[in-house]
Amino acid sequence: ARLINTSLTATSSSGAVLPNAQITEANDGQTVTVAARLTFDPTTPNK
């Protein structure tokens, strides 16, 4: 429950970030780098 923020970003082979991780036919055949994040909630109380 405390592992939050499971966001995803995608970057094209040219290094450009794909806005909202959108793919079109222009990306056909491209290698895309996908990065998913996982954050331990910094407001976790006590122990």
All heavy atoms as atom14 arrays in JSON, in Angstrom:
{
  "sequence": "ARLINTSLTATSSSGAVLPNAQITEANDGQTVTVAARLTFDPTTPNK",
  "atom14_mask": [
    [1, 1, 1, 1, 1, 0, 0, 0, 0, 0, 0, 0, 0, 0],
    [1, 1, 1, 1, 1, 1, 1, 1, 1, 1, 1, 0, 0, 0],
    [1, 1, 1, 1, 1, 1, 1, 1, 0, 0, 0, 0, 0, 0],
    [1, 1, 1, 1, 1, 1, 1, 1, 0, 0, 0, 0, 0, 0],
    [1, 1, 1, 1, 1, 1, 1, 1, 0, 0, 0, 0, 0, 0],
    [1, 1, 1, 1, 1, 1, 1, 0, 0, 0, 0, 0, 0, 0],
    [1, 1, 1, 1, 1, 1, 0, 0, 0, 0, 0, 0, 0, 0],
    [1, 1, 1, 1, 1, 1, 1, 1, 0, 0, 0, 0, 0, 0],
    [1, 1, 1, 1, 1, 1, 1, 0, 0, 0, 0, 0, 0, 0],
    [1, 1, 1, 1, 1, 0, 0, 0, 0, 0, 0, 0, 0, 0],
    [1, 1, 1, 1, 1, 1, 1, 0, 0, 0, 0, 0, 0, 0],
    [1, 1, 1, 1, 1, 1, 0, 0, 0, 0, 0, 0, 0, 0],
    [1, 1, 1, 1, 1, 1, 0, 0, 0, 0, 0, 0, 0, 0],
    [1, 1, 1, 1, 1, 1, 0, 0, 0, 0, 0, 0, 0, 0],
    [1, 1, 1, 1, 0, 0, 0, 0, 0, 0, 0, 0, 0, 0],
    [1, 1, 1, 1, 1, 0, 0, 0, 0, 0, 0, 0, 0, 0],
    [1, 1, 1, 1, 1, 1, 1, 0, 0, 0, 0, 0, 0, 0],
    [1, 1, 1, 1, 1, 1, 1, 1, 0, 0, 0, 0, 0, 0],
    [1, 1, 1, 1, 1, 1, 1, 0, 0, 0, 0, 0, 0, 0],
    [1, 1, 1, 1, 1, 1, 1, 1, 0, 0, 0, 0, 0, 0],
    [1, 1, 1, 1, 1, 0, 0, 0, 0, 0, 0, 0, 0, 0],
    [1, 1, 1, 1, 1, 1, 1, 1, 1, 0, 0, 0, 0, 0],
    [1, 1, 1, 1, 1, 1, 1, 1, 0, 0, 0, 0, 0, 0],
    [1, 1, 1, 1, 1, 1, 1, 0, 0, 0, 0, 0, 0, 0],
    [1, 1, 1, 1, 1, 1, 1, 1, 1, 0, 0, 0, 0, 0],
    [1, 1, 1, 1, 1, 0, 0, 0, 0, 0, 0, 0, 0, 0],
    [1, 1, 1, 1, 1, 1, 1, 1, 0, 0, 0, 0, 0, 0],
    [1, 1, 1, 1, 1, 1, 1, 1, 0, 0, 0, 0, 0, 0],
    [1, 1, 1, 1, 0, 0, 0, 0, 0, 0, 0, 0, 0, 0],
    [1, 1, 1, 1, 1, 1, 1, 1, 1, 0, 0, 0, 0, 0],
    [1, 1, 1, 1, 1, 1, 1, 0, 0, 0, 0, 0, 0, 0],
    [1, 1, 1, 1, 1, 1, 1, 0, 0, 0, 0, 0, 0, 0],
    [1, 1, 1, 1, 1, 1, 1, 0, 0, 0, 0, 0, 0, 0],
    [1, 1, 1, 1, 1, 1, 1, 0, 0, 0, 0, 0, 0, 0],
    [1, 1, 1, 1, 1, 0, 0, 0, 0, 0, 0, 0, 0, 0],
    [1, 1, 1, 1, 1, 0, 0, 0, 0, 0, 0, 0, 0, 0],
    [1, 1, 1, 1, 1, 1, 1, 1, 1, 1, 1, 0, 0, 0],
    [1, 1, 1, 1, 1, 1, 1, 1, 0, 0, 0, 0, 0, 0],
    [1, 1, 1, 1, 1, 1, 1, 0, 0, 0, 0, 0, 0, 0],
    [1, 1, 1, 1, 1, 1, 1, 1, 1, 1, 1, 0, 0, 0],
    [1, 1, 1, 1, 1, 1, 1, 1, 0, 0, 0, 0, 0, 0],
    [1, 1, 1, 1, 1, 1, 1, 0, 0, 0, 0, 0, 0, 0],
    [1, 1, 1, 1, 1, 1, 1, 0, 0, 0, 0, 0, 0, 0],
    [1, 1, 1, 1, 1, 1, 1, 0, 0, 0, 0, 0, 0, 0],
    [1, 1, 1, 1, 1, 1, 1, 0, 0, 0, 0, 0, 0, 0],
    [1, 1, 1, 1, 1, 1, 1, 1, 0, 0, 0, 0, 0, 0],
    [1, 1, 1, 1, 1, 1, 1, 1, 1, 0, 0, 0, 0, 0]
  ],
  "atom14_positions": [
    [[0.82, -1.21, 0.0], [0.0, 0.0, 0.0], [0.86, 1.27, 0.0], [0.4, 2.32, -0.44], [-0.93, 0.0, 1.21], [0.0, 0.0, 0.0], [0.0, 0.0, 0.0], [0.0, 0.0, 0.0], [0.0, 0.0, 0.0], [0.0, 0.0, 0.0], [0.0, 0.0, 0.0], [0.0, 0.0, 0.0], [0.0, 0.0, 0.0], [0.0, 0.0, 0.0]],
    [[2.09, 1.17, 0.47], [2.97, 2.34, 0.56], [3.87, 2.51, -0.66], [4.57, 3.51, -0.78], [3.83, 2.27, 1.83], [3.03, 2.47, 3.1], [2.47, 3.85, 3.13], [1.65, 4.1, 4.29], [1.17, 5.28, 4.59], [1.41, 6.31, 3.8], [0.43, 5.45, 5.64], [0.0, 0.0, 0.0], [0.0, 0.0, 0.0], [0.0, 0.0, 0.0]],
    [[3.87, 1.55, -1.56], [4.63, 1.67, -2.81], [3.72, 2.33, -3.83], [2.79, 1.71, -4.34], [5.14, 0.31, -3.27], [6.18, -0.31, -2.35], [6.5, -1.73, -2.78], [7.44, 0.53, -2.28], [0.0, 0.0, 0.0], [0.0, 0.0, 0.0], [0.0, 0.0, 0.0], [0.0, 0.0, 0.0], [0.0, 0.0, 0.0], [0.0, 0.0, 0.0]],
    [[3.97, 3.6, -4.1], [3.06, 4.42, -4.9], [3.78, 4.94, -6.14], [4.95, 4.64, -6.36], [2.52, 5.6, -4.06], [3.69, 6.47, -3.58], [1.68, 5.1, -2.9], [3.29, 7.77, -2.93], [0.0, 0.0, 0.0], [0.0, 0.0, 0.0], [0.0, 0.0, 0.0], [0.0, 0.0, 0.0], [0.0, 0.0, 0.0], [0.0, 0.0, 0.0]],
    [[3.1, 5.78, -6.9], [3.67, 6.45, -8.07], [4.28, 5.46, -9.04], [5.47, 5.43, -9.25], [4.7, 7.51, -7.66], [5.2, 8.29, -8.87], [4.57, 8.32, -9.91], [6.35, 8.91, -8.73], [0.0, 0.0, 0.0], [0.0, 0.0, 0.0], [0.0, 0.0, 0.0], [0.0, 0.0, 0.0], [0.0, 0.0, 0.0], [0.0, 0.0, 0.0]],
    [[3.44, 4.66, -9.61], [3.9, 3.69, -10.61], [3.73, 4.28, -12.0], [3.02, 3.74, -12.83], [3.14, 2.36, -10.47], [1.74, 2.65, -10.51], [3.47, 1.66, -9.19], [0.0, 0.0, 0.0], [0.0, 0.0, 0.0], [0.0, 0.0, 0.0], [0.0, 0.0, 0.0], [0.0, 0.0, 0.0], [0.0, 0.0, 0.0], [0.0, 0.0, 0.0]],
    [[4.38, 5.42, -12.22], [4.27, 6.11, -13.51], [5.17, 5.49, -14.57], [6.1, 4.76, -14.24], [4.6, 7.59, -13.35], [5.94, 7.73, -12.93], [0.0, 0.0, 0.0], [0.0, 0.0, 0.0], [0.0, 0.0, 0.0], [0.0, 0.0, 0.0], [0.0, 0.0, 0.0], [0.0, 0.0, 0.0], [0.0, 0.0, 0.0], [0.0, 0.0, 0.0]],
    [[4.89, 5.81, -15.83], [5.67, 5.27, -16.94], [6.02, 6.4, -17.89], [5.2, 7.26, -18.18], [4.84, 4.21, -17.68], [5.53, 3.57, -18.87], [5.39, 2.07, -18.81], [4.96, 4.11, -20.17], [0.0, 0.0, 0.0], [0.0, 0.0, 0.0], [0.0, 0.0, 0.0], [0.0, 0.0, 0.0], [0.0, 0.0, 0.0], [0.0, 0.0, 0.0]],
    [[7.26, 6.39, -18.37], [7.67, 7.32, -19.43], [8.24, 6.49, -20.57], [8.75, 5.38, -20.37], [8.73, 8.33, -18.96], [9.85, 7.63, -18.44], [8.17, 9.26, -17.9], [0.0, 0.0, 0.0], [0.0, 0.0, 0.0], [0.0, 0.0, 0.0], [0.0, 0.0, 0.0], [0.0, 0.0, 0.0], [0.0, 0.0, 0.0], [0.0, 0.0, 0.0]],
    [[8.14, 7.04, -21.77], [8.67, 6.36, -22.95], [9.49, 7.35, -23.75], [9.12, 8.51, -23.91], [7.52, 5.8, -23.79], [0.0, 0.0, 0.0], [0.0, 0.0, 0.0], [0.0, 0.0, 0.0], [0.0, 0.0, 0.0], [0.0, 0.0, 0.0], [0.0, 0.0, 0.0], [0.0, 0.0, 0.0], [0.0, 0.0, 0.0], [0.0, 0.0, 0.0]],
    [[10.63, 6.86, -24.25], [11.54, 7.69, -25.04], [11.8, 6.99, -26.36], [12.06, 5.78, -26.39], [12.87, 7.88, -24.28], [12.58, 8.32, -22.95], [13.76, 8.89, -24.96], [0.0, 0.0, 0.0], [0.0, 0.0, 0.0], [0.0, 0.0, 0.0], [0.0, 0.0, 0.0], [0.0, 0.0, 0.0], [0.0, 0.0, 0.0], [0.0, 0.0, 0.0]],
    [[11.75, 7.76, -27.45], [11.99, 7.17, -28.77], [13.48, 6.91, -28.96], [14.31, 7.36, -28.17], [11.47, 8.1, -29.87], [12.3, 9.24, -29.96], [0.0, 0.0, 0.0], [0.0, 0.0, 0.0], [0.0, 0.0, 0.0], [0.0, 0.0, 0.0], [0.0, 0.0, 0.0], [0.0, 0.0, 0.0], [0.0, 0.0, 0.0], [0.0, 0.0, 0.0]],
    [[13.81, 6.22, -30.05], [15.21, 5.89, -30.32], [16.04, 7.15, -30.59], [17.26, 7.13, -30.45], [15.31, 4.92, -31.5], [14.61, 5.41, -32.61], [0.0, 0.0, 0.0], [0.0, 0.0, 0.0], [0.0, 0.0, 0.0], [0.0, 0.0, 0.0], [0.0, 0.0, 0.0], [0.0, 0.0, 0.0], [0.0, 0.0, 0.0], [0.0, 0.0, 0.0]],
    [[15.38, 8.26, -30.91], [16.11, 9.52, -31.13], [16.37, 10.25, -29.81], [17.04, 11.27, -29.79], [15.32, 10.43, -32.07], [14.13, 10.86, -31.44], [0.0, 0.0, 0.0], [0.0, 0.0, 0.0], [0.0, 0.0, 0.0], [0.0, 0.0, 0.0], [0.0, 0.0, 0.0], [0.0, 0.0, 0.0], [0.0, 0.0, 0.0], [0.0, 0.0, 0.0]],
    [[15.81, 9.72, -28.72], [16.0, 10.34, -27.41], [14.87, 11.27, -27.02], [14.87, 11.81, -25.92], [0.0, 0.0, 0.0], [0.0, 0.0, 0.0], [0.0, 0.0, 0.0], [0.0, 0.0, 0.0], [0.0, 0.0, 0.0], [0.0, 0.0, 0.0], [0.0, 0.0, 0.0], [0.0, 0.0, 0.0], [0.0, 0.0, 0.0], [0.0, 0.0, 0.0]],
    [[13.9, 11.47, -27.88], [12.77, 12.35, -27.58], [11.76, 11.64, -26.68], [11.41, 10.48, -26.93], [12.09, 12.8, -28.86], [0.0, 0.0, 0.0], [0.0, 0.0, 0.0], [0.0, 0.0, 0.0], [0.0, 0.0, 0.0], [0.0, 0.0, 0.0], [0.0, 0.0, 0.0], [0.0, 0.0, 0.0], [0.0, 0.0, 0.0], [0.0, 0.0, 0.0]],
    [[11.33, 12.34, -25.65], [10.29, 11.78, -24.79], [8.98, 11.77, -25.57], [8.62, 12.76, -26.22], [10.14, 12.62, -23.49], [8.95, 12.14, -22.67], [11.42, 12.55, -22.67], [0.0, 0.0, 0.0], [0.0, 0.0, 0.0], [0.0, 0.0, 0.0], [0.0, 0.0, 0.0], [0.0, 0.0, 0.0], [0.0, 0.0, 0.0], [0.0, 0.0, 0.0]],
    [[8.27, 10.66, -25.53], [6.99, 10.54, -26.22], [5.91, 11.1, -25.29], [5.64, 10.52, -24.24], [6.7, 9.08, -26.56], [7.71, 8.41, -27.49], [7.44, 6.92, -27.6], [7.69, 9.06, -28.86], [0.0, 0.0, 0.0], [0.0, 0.0, 0.0], [0.0, 0.0, 0.0], [0.0, 0.0, 0.0], [0.0, 0.0, 0.0], [0.0, 0.0, 0.0]],
    [[5.33, 12.25, -25.64], [4.32, 12.87, -24.76], [3.2, 11.89, -24.43], [2.63, 11.26, -25.33], [3.8, 14.05, -25.57], [4.86, 14.32, -26.58], [5.5, 13.0, -26.87], [0.0, 0.0, 0.0], [0.0, 0.0, 0.0], [0.0, 0.0, 0.0], [0.0, 0.0, 0.0], [0.0, 0.0, 0.0], [0.0, 0.0, 0.0], [0.0, 0.0, 0.0]],
    [[2.89, 11.76, -23.17], [1.84, 10.85, -22.69], [2.04, 9.42, -23.18], [1.08, 8.67, -23.31], [0.46, 11.37, -23.07], [0.18, 12.73, -22.49], [0.44, 12.97, -21.32], [-0.32, 13.62, -23.31], [0.0, 0.0, 0.0], [0.0, 0.0, 0.0], [0.0, 0.0, 0.0], [0.0, 0.0, 0.0], [0.0, 0.0, 0.0], [0.0, 0.0, 0.0]],
    [[3.3, 9.06, -23.48], [3.65, 7.72, -23.95], [2.83, 7.3, -25.18], [2.41, 6.17, -25.31], [3.52, 6.69, -22.82], [0.0, 0.0, 0.0], [0.0, 0.0, 0.0], [0.0, 0.0, 0.0], [0.0, 0.0, 0.0], [0.0, 0.0, 0.0], [0.0, 0.0, 0.0], [0.0, 0.0, 0.0], [0.0, 0.0, 0.0], [0.0, 0.0, 0.0]],
    [[2.61, 8.28, -26.1], [1.82, 8.03, -27.3], [2.7, 7.48, -28.42], [3.8, 7.94, -28.65], [1.16, 9.32, -27.77], [0.13, 9.86, -26.8], [-1.03, 8.91, -26.61], [-1.79, 8.65, -27.53], [-1.15, 8.38, -25.4], [0.0, 0.0, 0.0], [0.0, 0.0, 0.0], [0.0, 0.0, 0.0], [0.0, 0.0, 0.0], [0.0, 0.0, 0.0]],
    [[2.16, 6.5, -29.12], [2.81, 5.84, -30.25], [1.95, 6.08, -31.48], [0.72, 6.01, -31.42], [2.94, 4.32, -29.99], [3.83, 4.05, -28.78], [3.43, 3.59, -31.22], [5.29, 4.37, -28.97], [0.0, 0.0, 0.0], [0.0, 0.0, 0.0], [0.0, 0.0, 0.0], [0.0, 0.0, 0.0], [0.0, 0.0, 0.0], [0.0, 0.0, 0.0]],
    [[2.6, 6.37, -32.62], [1.9, 6.49, -33.89], [2.62, 5.63, -34.93], [3.66, 5.03, -34.62], [1.86, 7.95, -34.39], [3.2, 8.34, -34.73], [1.27, 8.89, -33.35], [0.0, 0.0, 0.0], [0.0, 0.0, 0.0], [0.0, 0.0, 0.0], [0.0, 0.0, 0.0], [0.0, 0.0, 0.0], [0.0, 0.0, 0.0], [0.0, 0.0, 0.0]],
    [[2.13, 5.64, -36.15], [2.77, 4.88, -37.22], [4.2, 5.38, -37.45], [5.06, 4.63, -37.9], [1.95, 4.97, -38.5], [2.5, 4.06, -39.58], [1.64, 4.03, -40.83], [0.97, 5.03, -41.13], [1.66, 2.99, -41.51], [0.0, 0.0, 0.0], [0.0, 0.0, 0.0], [0.0, 0.0, 0.0], [0.0, 0.0, 0.0], [0.0, 0.0, 0.0]],
    [[4.48, 6.64, -37.09], [5.83, 7.18, -37.25], [6.84, 6.43, -36.37], [8.04, 6.45, -36.64], [5.85, 8.67, -36.9], [0.0, 0.0, 0.0], [0.0, 0.0, 0.0], [0.0, 0.0, 0.0], [0.0, 0.0, 0.0], [0.0, 0.0, 0.0], [0.0, 0.0, 0.0], [0.0, 0.0, 0.0], [0.0, 0.0, 0.0], [0.0, 0.0, 0.0]],
    [[6.37, 5.74, -35.33], [7.25, 4.98, -34.43], [7.44, 3.54, -34.89], [8.16, 2.78, -34.23], [6.7, 5.0, -33.01], [6.52, 6.39, -32.46], [5.39, 6.84, -32.27], [7.61, 7.09, -32.24], [0.0, 0.0, 0.0], [0.0, 0.0, 0.0], [0.0, 0.0, 0.0], [0.0, 0.0, 0.0], [0.0, 0.0, 0.0], [0.0, 0.0, 0.0]],
    [[6.81, 3.15, -36.0], [6.92, 1.78, -36.47], [8.38, 1.4, -36.69], [9.12, 2.1, -37.37], [6.13, 1.61, -37.78], [6.1, 0.17, -38.25], [5.89, -0.72, -37.41], [6.29, -0.06, -39.46], [0.0, 0.0, 0.0], [0.0, 0.0, 0.0], [0.0, 0.0, 0.0], [0.0, 0.0, 0.0], [0.0, 0.0, 0.0], [0.0, 0.0, 0.0]],
    [[8.8, 0.3, -36.08], [10.16, -0.21, -36.23], [11.16, 0.43, -35.27], [12.32, 0.0, -35.23], [0.0, 0.0, 0.0], [0.0, 0.0, 0.0], [0.0, 0.0, 0.0], [0.0, 0.0, 0.0], [0.0, 0.0, 0.0], [0.0, 0.0, 0.0], [0.0, 0.0, 0.0], [0.0, 0.0, 0.0], [0.0, 0.0, 0.0], [0.0, 0.0, 0.0]],
    [[10.75, 1.42, -34.52], [11.67, 2.09, -33.59], [11.83, 1.29, -32.3], [10.91, 0.62, -31.84], [11.17, 3.48, -33.21], [11.27, 4.49, -34.29], [10.86, 5.89, -33.8], [10.46, 6.08, -32.65], [10.98, 6.87, -34.68], [0.0, 0.0, 0.0], [0.0, 0.0, 0.0], [0.0, 0.0, 0.0], [0.0, 0.0, 0.0], [0.0, 0.0, 0.0]],
    [[13.01, 1.41, -31.72], [13.25, 0.87, -30.39], [12.89, 1.97, -29.41], [13.36, 3.1, -29.51], [14.72, 0.46, -30.21], [15.0, -0.58, -31.16], [14.98, -0.05, -28.81], [0.0, 0.0, 0.0], [0.0, 0.0, 0.0], [0.0, 0.0, 0.0], [0.0, 0.0, 0.0], [0.0, 0.0, 0.0], [0.0, 0.0, 0.0], [0.0, 0.0, 0.0]],
    [[12.0, 1.65, -28.49], [11.52, 2.61, -27.5], [12.02, 2.18, -26.13], [11.99, 1.0, -25.79], [9.98, 2.67, -27.52], [9.45, 3.57, -26.41], [9.49, 3.15, -28.88], [0.0, 0.0, 0.0], [0.0, 0.0, 0.0], [0.0, 0.0, 0.0], [0.0, 0.0, 0.0], [0.0, 0.0, 0.0], [0.0, 0.0, 0.0], [0.0, 0.0, 0.0]],
    [[12.51, 3.14, -25.37], [12.93, 2.88, -23.99], [11.77, 3.21, -23.07], [11.22, 4.31, -23.12], [14.16, 3.74, -23.62], [15.21, 3.43, -24.54], [14.62, 3.46, -22.21], [0.0, 0.0, 0.0], [0.0, 0.0, 0.0], [0.0, 0.0, 0.0], [0.0, 0.0, 0.0], [0.0, 0.0, 0.0], [0.0, 0.0, 0.0], [0.0, 0.0, 0.0]],
    [[11.39, 2.24, -22.27], [10.26, 2.39, -21.35], [10.82, 2.38, -19.94], [11.63, 1.51, -19.58], [9.26, 1.23, -21.54], [8.11, 1.34, -20.56], [8.76, 1.18, -22.97], [0.0, 0.0, 0.0], [0.0, 0.0, 0.0], [0.0, 0.0, 0.0], [0.0, 0.0, 0.0], [0.0, 0.0, 0.0], [0.0, 0.0, 0.0], [0.0, 0.0, 0.0]],
    [[10.39, 3.35, -19.13], [10.85, 3.44, -17.74], [9.65, 3.53, -16.82], [8.82, 4.43, -16.96], [11.76, 4.65, -17.55], [0.0, 0.0, 0.0], [0.0, 0.0, 0.0], [0.0, 0.0, 0.0], [0.0, 0.0, 0.0], [0.0, 0.0, 0.0], [0.0, 0.0, 0.0], [0.0, 0.0, 0.0], [0.0, 0.0, 0.0], [0.0, 0.0, 0.0]],
    [[9.55, 2.59, -15.88], [8.46, 2.58, -14.9], [9.05, 2.88, -13.52], [10.08, 2.33, -13.15], [7.77, 1.22, -14.9], [0.0, 0.0, 0.0], [0.0, 0.0, 0.0], [0.0, 0.0, 0.0], [0.0, 0.0, 0.0], [0.0, 0.0, 0.0], [0.0, 0.0, 0.0], [0.0, 0.0, 0.0], [0.0, 0.0, 0.0], [0.0, 0.0, 0.0]],
    [[8.38, 3.76, -12.79], [8.86, 4.18, -11.46], [8.0, 3.59, -10.36], [6.81, 3.38, -10.53], [8.82, 5.7, -11.34], [9.73, 6.4, -12.28], [9.48, 7.9, -12.23], [10.32, 8.56, -13.21], [11.28, 9.42, -12.9], [11.5, 9.75, -11.64], [12.0, 9.97, -13.83], [0.0, 0.0, 0.0], [0.0, 0.0, 0.0], [0.0, 0.0, 0.0]],
    [[8.64, 3.41, -9.22], [7.97, 2.9, -8.03], [8.56, 3.66, -6.84], [9.77, 3.6, -6.61], [8.23, 1.4, -7.9], [7.56, 0.66, -6.77], [6.05, 0.68, -6.94], [8.06, -0.78, -6.74], [0.0, 0.0, 0.0], [0.0, 0.0, 0.0], [0.0, 0.0, 0.0], [0.0, 0.0, 0.0], [0.0, 0.0, 0.0], [0.0, 0.0, 0.0]],
    [[7.72, 4.4, -6.11], [8.19, 5.23, -5.0], [7.62, 4.72, -3.68], [6.43, 4.41, -3.6], [7.74, 6.7, -5.21], [8.31, 7.18, -6.42], [8.19, 7.6, -4.06], [0.0, 0.0, 0.0], [0.0, 0.0, 0.0], [0.0, 0.0, 0.0], [0.0, 0.0, 0.0], [0.0, 0.0, 0.0], [0.0, 0.0, 0.0], [0.0, 0.0, 0.0]],
    [[8.46, 4.66, -2.66], [8.02, 4.33, -1.3], [7.5, 5.63, -0.72], [8.24, 6.6, -0.57], [9.19, 3.78, -0.48], [8.81, 3.15, 0.84], [9.73, 2.33, 1.48], [7.6, 3.36, 1.46], [9.44, 1.74, 2.7], [7.28, 2.77, 2.67], [8.22, 1.95, 3.3], [0.0, 0.0, 0.0], [0.0, 0.0, 0.0], [0.0, 0.0, 0.0]],
    [[6.22, 5.67, -0.39], [5.54, 6.88, 0.08], [6.35, 7.58, 1.17], [6.59, 7.02, 2.24], [4.16, 6.5, 0.62], [3.31, 7.69, 1.0], [3.81, 8.83, 0.99], [2.12, 7.47, 1.32], [0.0, 0.0, 0.0], [0.0, 0.0, 0.0], [0.0, 0.0, 0.0], [0.0, 0.0, 0.0], [0.0, 0.0, 0.0], [0.0, 0.0, 0.0]],
    [[6.79, 8.83, 0.9], [7.62, 9.54, 1.88], [6.86, 9.95, 3.14], [7.47, 10.3, 4.15], [8.09, 10.78, 1.11], [7.14, 10.95, -0.01], [6.61, 9.6, -0.33], [0.0, 0.0, 0.0], [0.0, 0.0, 0.0], [0.0, 0.0, 0.0], [0.0, 0.0, 0.0], [0.0, 0.0, 0.0], [0.0, 0.0, 0.0], [0.0, 0.0, 0.0]],
    [[5.53, 9.87, 3.12], [4.75, 10.25, 4.31], [4.41, 9.04, 5.18], [3.56, 9.14, 6.07], [3.44, 10.95, 3.89], [2.61, 10.02, 3.17], [3.72, 12.18, 3.03], [0.0, 0.0, 0.0], [0.0, 0.0, 0.0], [0.0, 0.0, 0.0], [0.0, 0.0, 0.0], [0.0, 0.0, 0.0], [0.0, 0.0, 0.0], [0.0, 0.0, 0.0]],
    [[5.08, 7.91, 4.95], [4.82, 6.71, 5.75], [5.14, 7.01, 7.22], [6.27, 7.39, 7.54], [5.67, 5.53, 5.24], [5.36, 5.32, 3.86], [5.4, 4.27, 6.03], [0.0, 0.0, 0.0], [0.0, 0.0, 0.0], [0.0, 0.0, 0.0], [0.0, 0.0, 0.0], [0.0, 0.0, 0.0], [0.0, 0.0, 0.0], [0.0, 0.0, 0.0]],
    [[4.16, 6.86, 8.11], [4.37, 7.24, 9.52], [5.04, 6.14, 10.36], [5.0, 4.96, 10.02], [2.96, 7.49, 10.02], [2.12, 6.54, 9.22], [2.78, 6.46, 7.86], [0.0, 0.0, 0.0], [0.0, 0.0, 0.0], [0.0, 0.0, 0.0], [0.0, 0.0, 0.0], [0.0, 0.0, 0.0], [0.0, 0.0, 0.0], [0.0, 0.0, 0.0]],
    [[5.63, 6.61, 11.46], [6.16, 5.73, 12.51], [7.06, 4.65, 11.93], [7.95, 4.92, 11.16], [5.03, 5.17, 13.35], [4.14, 6.27, 13.92], [4.65, 7.3, 14.39], [2.84, 6.08, 13.87], [0.0, 0.0, 0.0], [0.0, 0.0, 0.0], [0.0, 0.0, 0.0], [0.0, 0.0, 0.0], [0.0, 0.0, 0.0], [0.0, 0.0, 0.0]],
    [[6.8, 3.41, 12.32], [7.63, 2.3, 11.83], [6.85, 1.4, 10.87], [7.18, 0.24, 10.67], [8.1, 1.47, 13.03], [9.05, 2.21, 13.94], [9.54, 1.3, 15.04], [10.55, 2.01, 15.91], [11.18, 1.1, 16.86], [0.0, 0.0, 0.0], [0.0, 0.0, 0.0], [0.0, 0.0, 0.0], [0.0, 0.0, 0.0], [0.0, 0.0, 0.0]]
  ]
}
